[in-house]
Amino acid sequence: PEDTTRISCCDFRGNLGHKGGGIVAVGVDSVQVDNSILMDNQSASDGGAVFCEDGNVNLINNLICRNGSGDQGGGLYLSNSGCKIMNCTLAKNTAPNGGAAISHILPAESVPQTLIRNSIVYGNSPDTVAHADSNFSIEYSTIEGGFPGIGNSSDDPLFVDMSKSNYLLSHRSTGQHSDSPCINAGNRHVSELELNFLGYDQTMADMSTRTDGAGDQGIVDQGY
């Protein structure tokens, strides 16, 4: 759509803000962020990495880690907003008052569904997701502490080395000791999953969760 703002292949690191340490979207009909890294951003109030109010945001194949807020939504803060989160990893984000990874509040009937799919939400503190409506769903994702939904798991995703911010998945074929349970744990074959909602000519088969960079094959892996 012509009215969609797209942010692609960007690196947001070490930014500071009052609301939204990395990205702020207020009153915007459609924002898409894909193939990007949002790391070490801080907000004084809400939304350490992303702050969205009265709008819609699509997040596809992003790493959102080590962000923090002074209030809610260490990774994402969504107020009266819809959101689709696909093949993202949210890890080591912090928020003292709720939703260390994602805080979704003040829903309105007109707001589209917020959906998280084929993603990993793990290692955030002190909690994971804070939401206040029934229009919030998660499926085919690994969520620390668990979350109701088809295909969801609470297993350790077995990142290569979370202590060194390496959030790729462990694969025996690339030298790690075990295979991550997030391998082939998504909802569809990689060739059927477009990388974004704008008709861009890529699929998740062009992406990789491996340390050797080999493309994803078969059922899509979860996470970034």
C-alpha atoms as a PDB file:
ATOM      1  CA  PRO A   1       0.000   0.000   0.000  1.00  0.00           C
ATOM      2  CA  GLU A   2       1.170   3.515  -0.810  1.00  0.00           C
ATOM      3  CA  ASP A   3       0.446   4.755   2.696  1.00  0.00           C
ATOM      4  CA  THR A   4       2.755   2.208   4.359  1.00  0.00           C
ATOM      5  CA  THR A   5       6.035   3.533   5.747  1.00  0.00           C
ATOM      6  CA  ARG A   6       8.743   0.886   5.430  1.00  0.00           C
ATOM      7  CA  ILE A   7      11.957   0.697   7.460  1.00  0.00           C
ATOM      8  CA  SER A   8      14.189  -2.112   6.206  1.00  0.00           C
ATOM      9  CA  CYS A   9      17.704  -3.417   6.899  1.00  0.00           C
ATOM     10  CA  CYS A  10      18.436  -0.815   9.563  1.00  0.00           C
ATOM     11  CA  ASP A  11      20.378  -0.905  12.819  1.00  0.00           C
ATOM     12  CA  PHE A  12      19.000   1.083  15.774  1.00  0.00           C
ATOM     13  CA  ARG A  13      21.494   0.938  18.654  1.00  0.00           C
ATOM     14  CA  GLY A  14      22.233   2.973  21.736  1.00  0.00           C
ATOM     15  CA  ASN A  15      19.511   5.575  21.235  1.00  0.00           C
ATOM     16  CA  LEU A  16      17.749   7.482  24.007  1.00  0.00           C
ATOM     17  CA  GLY A  17      14.253   8.955  24.062  1.00  0.00           C
ATOM     18  CA  HIS A  18      11.451  10.008  26.344  1.00  0.00           C
ATOM     19  CA  LYS A  19       8.974   7.730  24.549  1.00  0.00           C
ATOM     20  CA  GLY A  20      10.395   5.152  22.178  1.00  0.00           C
ATOM     21  CA  GLY A  21      14.141   4.798  22.395  1.00  0.00           C
ATOM     22  CA  GLY A  22      14.459   3.522  18.817  1.00  0.00           C
ATOM     23  CA  ILE A  23      11.258   4.167  16.823  1.00  0.00           C
ATOM     24  CA  VAL A  24       8.223   6.347  17.578  1.00  0.00           C
ATOM     25  CA  ALA A  25       5.040   6.014  15.504  1.00  0.00           C
ATOM     26  CA  VAL A  26       2.024   8.070  16.580  1.00  0.00           C
ATOM     27  CA  GLY A  27      -1.147   8.321  14.509  1.00  0.00           C
ATOM     28  CA  VAL A  28       0.430   6.493  11.570  1.00  0.00           C
ATOM     29  CA  ASP A  29      -1.835   4.126   9.626  1.00  0.00           C
ATOM     30  CA  SER A  30       0.834   1.560   8.762  1.00  0.00           C
ATOM     31  CA  VAL A  31       4.522   1.176   9.599  1.00  0.00           C
ATOM     32  CA  GLN A  32       6.581  -1.856   8.654  1.00  0.00           C
ATOM     33  CA  VAL A  33       9.997  -2.657  10.129  1.00  0.00           C
ATOM     34  CA  ASP A  34      11.811  -5.661   8.648  1.00  0.00           C
ATOM     35  CA  ASN A  35      15.269  -7.228   8.609  1.00  0.00           C
ATOM     36  CA  SER A  36      16.474  -4.839  11.283  1.00  0.00           C
ATOM     37  CA  ILE A  37      18.174  -4.839  14.674  1.00  0.00           C
ATOM     38  CA  LEU A  38      16.956  -2.762  17.607  1.00  0.00           C
ATOM     39  CA  MET A  39      19.443  -3.130  20.448  1.00  0.00           C
ATOM     40  CA  ASP A  40      20.515  -1.193  23.562  1.00  0.00           C
ATOM     41  CA  ASN A  41      17.911   1.548  23.149  1.00  0.00           C
ATOM     42  CA  GLN A  42      16.405   3.250  26.193  1.00  0.00           C
ATOM     43  CA  SER A  43      13.277   5.293  26.872  1.00  0.00           C
ATOM     44  CA  ALA A  44      12.641   7.339  29.992  1.00  0.00           C
ATOM     45  CA  SER A  45       8.997   6.262  30.036  1.00  0.00           C
ATOM     46  CA  ASP A  46       7.502   3.656  27.660  1.00  0.00           C
ATOM     47  CA  GLY A  47       8.771   1.674  24.679  1.00  0.00           C
ATOM     48  CA  GLY A  48      12.480   1.022  24.975  1.00  0.00           C
ATOM     49  CA  ALA A  49      12.785   0.028  21.302  1.00  0.00           C
ATOM     50  CA  VAL A  50       9.394   0.890  19.734  1.00  0.00           C
ATOM     51  CA  PHE A  51       6.559   3.181  20.853  1.00  0.00           C
ATOM     52  CA  CYS A  52       3.353   3.005  18.792  1.00  0.00           C
ATOM     53  CA  GLU A  53       0.187   4.923  19.622  1.00  0.00           C
ATOM     54  CA  ASP A  54      -3.065   5.149  17.631  1.00  0.00           C
ATOM     55  CA  GLY A  55      -1.642   3.268  14.663  1.00  0.00           C
ATOM     56  CA  ASN A  56      -0.505  -0.058  13.241  1.00  0.00           C
ATOM     57  CA  VAL A  57       2.959  -1.551  13.042  1.00  0.00           C
ATOM     58  CA  ASN A  58       4.224  -4.725  11.365  1.00  0.00           C
ATOM     59  CA  LEU A  59       7.514  -6.192  12.595  1.00  0.00           C
ATOM     60  CA  ILE A  60       9.031  -8.905  10.401  1.00  0.00           C
ATOM     61  CA  ASN A  61      12.346 -10.696  10.898  1.00  0.00           C
ATOM     62  CA  ASN A  62      13.816  -8.332  13.482  1.00  0.00           C
ATOM     63  CA  LEU A  63      16.094  -8.775  16.485  1.00  0.00           C
ATOM     64  CA  ILE A  64      14.822  -6.693  19.415  1.00  0.00           C
ATOM     65  CA  CYS A  65      17.134  -7.148  22.374  1.00  0.00           C
ATOM     66  CA  ARG A  66      18.697  -5.457  25.413  1.00  0.00           C
ATOM     67  CA  ASN A  67      16.341  -2.491  25.267  1.00  0.00           C
ATOM     68  CA  GLY A  68      14.870  -0.906  28.371  1.00  0.00           C
ATOM     69  CA  SER A  69      12.182   1.516  29.482  1.00  0.00           C
ATOM     70  CA  GLY A  70      11.625   3.498  32.649  1.00  0.00           C
ATOM     71  CA  ASP A  71       8.014   2.350  32.891  1.00  0.00           C
ATOM     72  CA  GLN A  72       6.379  -0.211  30.534  1.00  0.00           C
ATOM     73  CA  GLY A  73       7.227  -2.009  27.332  1.00  0.00           C
ATOM     74  CA  GLY A  74      10.965  -2.581  27.417  1.00  0.00           C
ATOM     75  CA  GLY A  75      10.883  -3.868  23.854  1.00  0.00           C
ATOM     76  CA  LEU A  76       7.563  -2.649  22.445  1.00  0.00           C
ATOM     77  CA  TYR A  77       4.870  -0.378  23.818  1.00  0.00           C
ATOM     78  CA  LEU A  78       1.571  -0.471  21.901  1.00  0.00           C
ATOM     79  CA  SER A  79      -1.203   1.904  22.914  1.00  0.00           C
ATOM     80  CA  ASN A  80      -4.514   1.704  21.064  1.00  0.00           C
ATOM     81  CA  SER A  81      -2.574   0.082  18.229  1.00  0.00           C
ATOM     82  CA  GLY A  82      -2.594  -3.114  16.206  1.00  0.00           C
ATOM     83  CA  CYS A  83       0.561  -5.092  15.558  1.00  0.00           C
ATOM     84  CA  LYS A  84       1.801  -8.121  13.631  1.00  0.00           C
ATOM     85  CA  ILE A  85       5.083  -9.607  14.829  1.00  0.00           C
ATOM     86  CA  MET A  86       6.458 -12.311  12.544  1.00  0.00           C
ATOM     87  CA  ASN A  87       9.766 -14.165  12.884  1.00  0.00           C
ATOM     88  CA  CYS A  88      11.175 -11.807  15.475  1.00  0.00           C
ATOM     89  CA  THR A  89      13.339 -12.470  18.510  1.00  0.00           C
ATOM     90  CA  LEU A  90      12.727 -10.372  21.628  1.00  0.00           C
ATOM     91  CA  ALA A  91      15.305 -11.065  24.327  1.00  0.00           C
ATOM     92  CA  LYS A  92      16.907  -9.428  27.367  1.00  0.00           C
ATOM     93  CA  ASN A  93      14.568  -6.423  27.342  1.00  0.00           C
ATOM     94  CA  THR A  94      13.607  -4.822  30.664  1.00  0.00           C
ATOM     95  CA  ALA A  95      10.736  -2.734  32.031  1.00  0.00           C
ATOM     96  CA  PRO A  96      10.058  -2.202  35.752  1.00  0.00           C
ATOM     97  CA  ASN A  97       6.277  -1.836  35.511  1.00  0.00           C
ATOM     98  CA  GLY A  98       5.152  -4.498  33.066  1.00  0.00           C
ATOM     99  CA  GLY A  99       5.652  -5.954  29.626  1.00  0.00           C
ATOM    100  CA  ALA A 100       9.417  -6.289  29.549  1.00  0.00           C
ATOM    101  CA  ALA A 101       9.153  -7.572  25.967  1.00  0.00           C
ATOM    102  CA  ILE A 102       5.742  -6.200  24.941  1.00  0.00           C
ATOM    103  CA  SER A 103       3.173  -3.991  26.630  1.00  0.00           C
ATOM    104  CA  HIS A 104      -0.188  -3.656  24.854  1.00  0.00           C
ATOM    105  CA  ILE A 105      -2.742  -1.399  26.505  1.00  0.00           C
ATOM    106  CA  LEU A 106      -5.864   0.712  25.935  1.00  0.00           C
ATOM    107  CA  PRO A 107      -7.399  -1.420  23.190  1.00  0.00           C
ATOM    108  CA  ALA A 108     -10.232  -0.104  21.072  1.00  0.00           C
ATOM    109  CA  GLU A 109     -12.792  -2.102  19.114  1.00  0.00           C
ATOM    110  CA  SER A 110     -11.569  -0.543  15.876  1.00  0.00           C
ATOM    111  CA  VAL A 111      -7.982  -1.684  16.418  1.00  0.00           C
ATOM    112  CA  PRO A 112      -6.931  -4.758  14.368  1.00  0.00           C
ATOM    113  CA  GLN A 113      -5.785  -7.867  16.134  1.00  0.00           C
ATOM    114  CA  THR A 114      -2.321  -7.972  17.608  1.00  0.00           C
ATOM    115  CA  LEU A 115      -0.709 -11.236  16.509  1.00  0.00           C
ATOM    116  CA  ILE A 116       2.694 -12.734  17.302  1.00  0.00           C
ATOM    117  CA  ARG A 117       3.713 -15.682  15.120  1.00  0.00           C
ATOM    118  CA  ASN A 118       6.877 -17.719  14.502  1.00  0.00           C
ATOM    119  CA  SER A 119       8.735 -15.658  17.089  1.00  0.00           C
ATOM    120  CA  ILE A 120      10.826 -16.091  20.238  1.00  0.00           C
ATOM    121  CA  VAL A 121      10.246 -14.073  23.407  1.00  0.00           C
ATOM    122  CA  TYR A 122      12.787 -15.163  25.992  1.00  0.00           C
ATOM    123  CA  GLY A 123      15.083 -13.851  28.712  1.00  0.00           C
ATOM    124  CA  ASN A 124      13.214 -10.590  29.306  1.00  0.00           C
ATOM    125  CA  SER A 125      12.897  -9.209  32.841  1.00  0.00           C
ATOM    126  CA  PRO A 126      10.996  -9.125  35.113  1.00  0.00           C
ATOM    127  CA  ASP A 127       8.134 -10.474  32.973  1.00  0.00           C
ATOM    128  CA  THR A 128       7.365 -11.111  29.311  1.00  0.00           C
ATOM    129  CA  VAL A 129       4.074  -9.788  27.924  1.00  0.00           C
ATOM    130  CA  ALA A 130       1.492  -7.428  29.436  1.00  0.00           C
ATOM    131  CA  HIS A 131      -1.829  -7.141  27.604  1.00  0.00           C
ATOM    132  CA  ALA A 132      -5.287  -5.945  28.514  1.00  0.00           C
ATOM    133  CA  ASP A 133      -7.582  -7.286  25.814  1.00  0.00           C
ATOM    134  CA  SER A 134      -8.826 -10.453  24.164  1.00  0.00           C
ATOM    135  CA  ASN A 135      -7.688  -9.265  20.721  1.00  0.00           C
ATOM    136  CA  PHE A 136      -4.104 -10.292  21.496  1.00  0.00           C
ATOM    137  CA  SER A 137      -2.884 -13.690  20.346  1.00  0.00           C
ATOM    138  CA  ILE A 138       0.341 -15.664  20.004  1.00  0.00           C
ATOM    139  CA  GLU A 139       0.860 -18.790  17.919  1.00  0.00           C
ATOM    140  CA  TYR A 140       3.734 -20.997  16.772  1.00  0.00           C
ATOM    141  CA  SER A 141       6.101 -19.134  19.065  1.00  0.00           C
ATOM    142  CA  THR A 142       8.402 -19.830  21.997  1.00  0.00           C
ATOM    143  CA  ILE A 143       7.363 -17.712  24.972  1.00  0.00           C
ATOM    144  CA  GLU A 144       9.201 -17.934  28.281  1.00  0.00           C
ATOM    145  CA  GLY A 145       6.682 -18.920  30.943  1.00  0.00           C
ATOM    146  CA  GLY A 146       4.227 -20.088  28.285  1.00  0.00           C
ATOM    147  CA  PHE A 147       1.262 -18.481  26.554  1.00  0.00           C
ATOM    148  CA  PRO A 148      -2.010 -20.054  25.305  1.00  0.00           C
ATOM    149  CA  GLY A 149      -2.118 -20.617  21.566  1.00  0.00           C
ATOM    150  CA  ILE A 150      -1.629 -23.192  18.839  1.00  0.00           C
ATOM    151  CA  GLY A 151       1.956 -24.319  18.340  1.00  0.00           C
ATOM    152  CA  ASN A 152       3.352 -22.389  21.312  1.00  0.00           C
ATOM    153  CA  SER A 153       6.151 -23.634  23.566  1.00  0.00           C
ATOM    154  CA  SER A 154       7.953 -22.473  26.688  1.00  0.00           C
ATOM    155  CA  ASP A 155      11.141 -24.458  26.029  1.00  0.00           C
ATOM    156  CA  ASP A 156      14.594 -22.911  26.189  1.00  0.00           C
ATOM    157  CA  PRO A 157      15.230 -21.786  22.579  1.00  0.00           C
ATOM    158  CA  LEU A 158      18.921 -22.711  22.876  1.00  0.00           C
ATOM    159  CA  PHE A 159      20.446 -19.560  21.464  1.00  0.00           C
ATOM    160  CA  VAL A 160      24.056 -19.981  20.392  1.00  0.00           C
ATOM    161  CA  ASP A 161      25.279 -17.706  23.217  1.00  0.00           C
ATOM    162  CA  MET A 162      22.817 -15.321  24.853  1.00  0.00           C
ATOM    163  CA  SER A 163      25.515 -14.038  27.237  1.00  0.00           C
ATOM    164  CA  LYS A 164      27.330 -12.629  24.188  1.00  0.00           C
ATOM    165  CA  SER A 165      24.135 -11.482  22.442  1.00  0.00           C
ATOM    166  CA  ASN A 166      24.334 -14.220  19.826  1.00  0.00           C
ATOM    167  CA  TYR A 167      20.663 -15.022  19.341  1.00  0.00           C
ATOM    168  CA  LEU A 168      21.054 -17.386  16.405  1.00  0.00           C
ATOM    169  CA  LEU A 169      19.743 -20.899  17.030  1.00  0.00           C
ATOM    170  CA  SER A 170      21.908 -23.860  17.960  1.00  0.00           C
ATOM    171  CA  HIS A 171      22.248 -26.378  15.122  1.00  0.00           C
ATOM    172  CA  ARG A 172      24.269 -29.564  15.463  1.00  0.00           C
ATOM    173  CA  SER A 173      25.146 -29.293  11.781  1.00  0.00           C
ATOM    174  CA  THR A 174      26.999 -26.029  12.494  1.00  0.00           C
ATOM    175  CA  GLY A 175      28.930 -27.306  15.494  1.00  0.00           C
ATOM    176  CA  GLN A 176      26.633 -26.659  18.450  1.00  0.00           C
ATOM    177  CA  HIS A 177      25.926 -29.466  20.922  1.00  0.00           C
ATOM    178  CA  SER A 178      22.147 -29.586  20.429  1.00  0.00           C
ATOM    179  CA  ASP A 179      19.435 -28.596  17.990  1.00  0.00           C
ATOM    180  CA  SER A 180      17.188 -25.748  19.108  1.00  0.00           C
ATOM    181  CA  PRO A 181      13.530 -26.743  19.577  1.00  0.00           C
ATOM    182  CA  CYS A 182      12.703 -23.622  17.522  1.00  0.00           C
ATOM    183  CA  ILE A 183      14.050 -25.233  14.341  1.00  0.00           C
ATOM    184  CA  ASN A 184      11.207 -26.130  11.950  1.00  0.00           C
ATOM    185  CA  ALA A 185       8.694 -25.053  14.614  1.00  0.00           C
ATOM    186  CA  GLY A 186       6.873 -22.334  12.679  1.00  0.00           C
ATOM    187  CA  ASN A 187       3.503 -22.496  10.971  1.00  0.00           C
ATOM    188  CA  ARG A 188       4.320 -22.949   7.267  1.00  0.00           C
ATOM    189  CA  HIS A 189       6.940 -23.912   4.696  1.00  0.00           C
ATOM    190  CA  VAL A 190       9.538 -21.194   4.178  1.00  0.00           C
ATOM    191  CA  SER A 191       8.672 -20.818   0.486  1.00  0.00           C
ATOM    192  CA  GLU A 192       5.102 -19.839   1.402  1.00  0.00           C
ATOM    193  CA  LEU A 193       6.080 -16.992   3.717  1.00  0.00           C
ATOM    194  CA  GLU A 194       6.717 -13.612   2.149  1.00  0.00           C
ATOM    195  CA  LEU A 195       9.272 -11.546   3.985  1.00  0.00           C
ATOM    196  CA  ASN A 196       6.865  -8.644   4.296  1.00  0.00           C
ATOM    197  CA  PHE A 197       3.352  -7.506   3.474  1.00  0.00           C
ATOM    198  CA  LEU A 198       4.338  -5.229   0.569  1.00  0.00           C
ATOM    199  CA  GLY A 199       4.871  -7.893  -2.074  1.00  0.00           C
ATOM    200  CA  TYR A 200       8.652  -7.693  -1.798  1.00  0.00           C
ATOM    201  CA  ASP A 201      10.195 -10.561  -3.766  1.00  0.00           C
ATOM    202  CA  GLN A 202      11.765 -12.540  -0.928  1.00  0.00           C
ATOM    203  CA  THR A 203      10.642 -15.380   1.296  1.00  0.00           C
ATOM    204  CA  MET A 204      11.857 -16.668   4.622  1.00  0.00           C
ATOM    205  CA  ALA A 205      13.932 -19.202   2.644  1.00  0.00           C
ATOM    206  CA  ASP A 206      16.324 -16.297   2.016  1.00  0.00           C
ATOM    207  CA  MET A 207      16.842 -15.837   5.764  1.00  0.00           C
ATOM    208  CA  SER A 208      18.915 -17.899   8.220  1.00  0.00           C
ATOM    209  CA  THR A 209      18.922 -18.764  11.922  1.00  0.00           C
ATOM    210  CA  ARG A 210      22.288 -20.558  11.562  1.00  0.00           C
ATOM    211  CA  THR A 211      25.833 -19.458  12.319  1.00  0.00           C
ATOM    212  CA  ASP A 212      26.929 -20.477   8.802  1.00  0.00           C
ATOM    213  CA  GLY A 213      24.265 -18.301   7.166  1.00  0.00           C
ATOM    214  CA  ALA A 214      22.673 -21.160   5.219  1.00  0.00           C
ATOM    215  CA  GLY A 215      19.095 -20.384   4.224  1.00  0.00           C
ATOM    216  CA  ASP A 216      16.123 -21.761   6.117  1.00  0.00           C
ATOM    217  CA  GLN A 217      14.614 -24.942   4.701  1.00  0.00           C
ATOM    218  CA  GLY A 218      11.391 -26.886   5.235  1.00  0.00           C
ATOM    219  CA  ILE A 219       9.061 -25.558   7.911  1.00  0.00           C
ATOM    220  CA  VAL A 220      10.181 -22.085   8.910  1.00  0.00           C
ATOM    221  CA  ASP A 221      12.308 -21.703  12.039  1.00  0.00           C
ATOM    222  CA  GLN A 222      11.064 -19.448  14.789  1.00  0.00           C
ATOM    223  CA  GLY A 223      12.785 -16.175  15.536  1.00  0.00           C
ATOM    224  CA  TYR A 224      15.135 -13.819  13.754  1.00  0.00           C
END
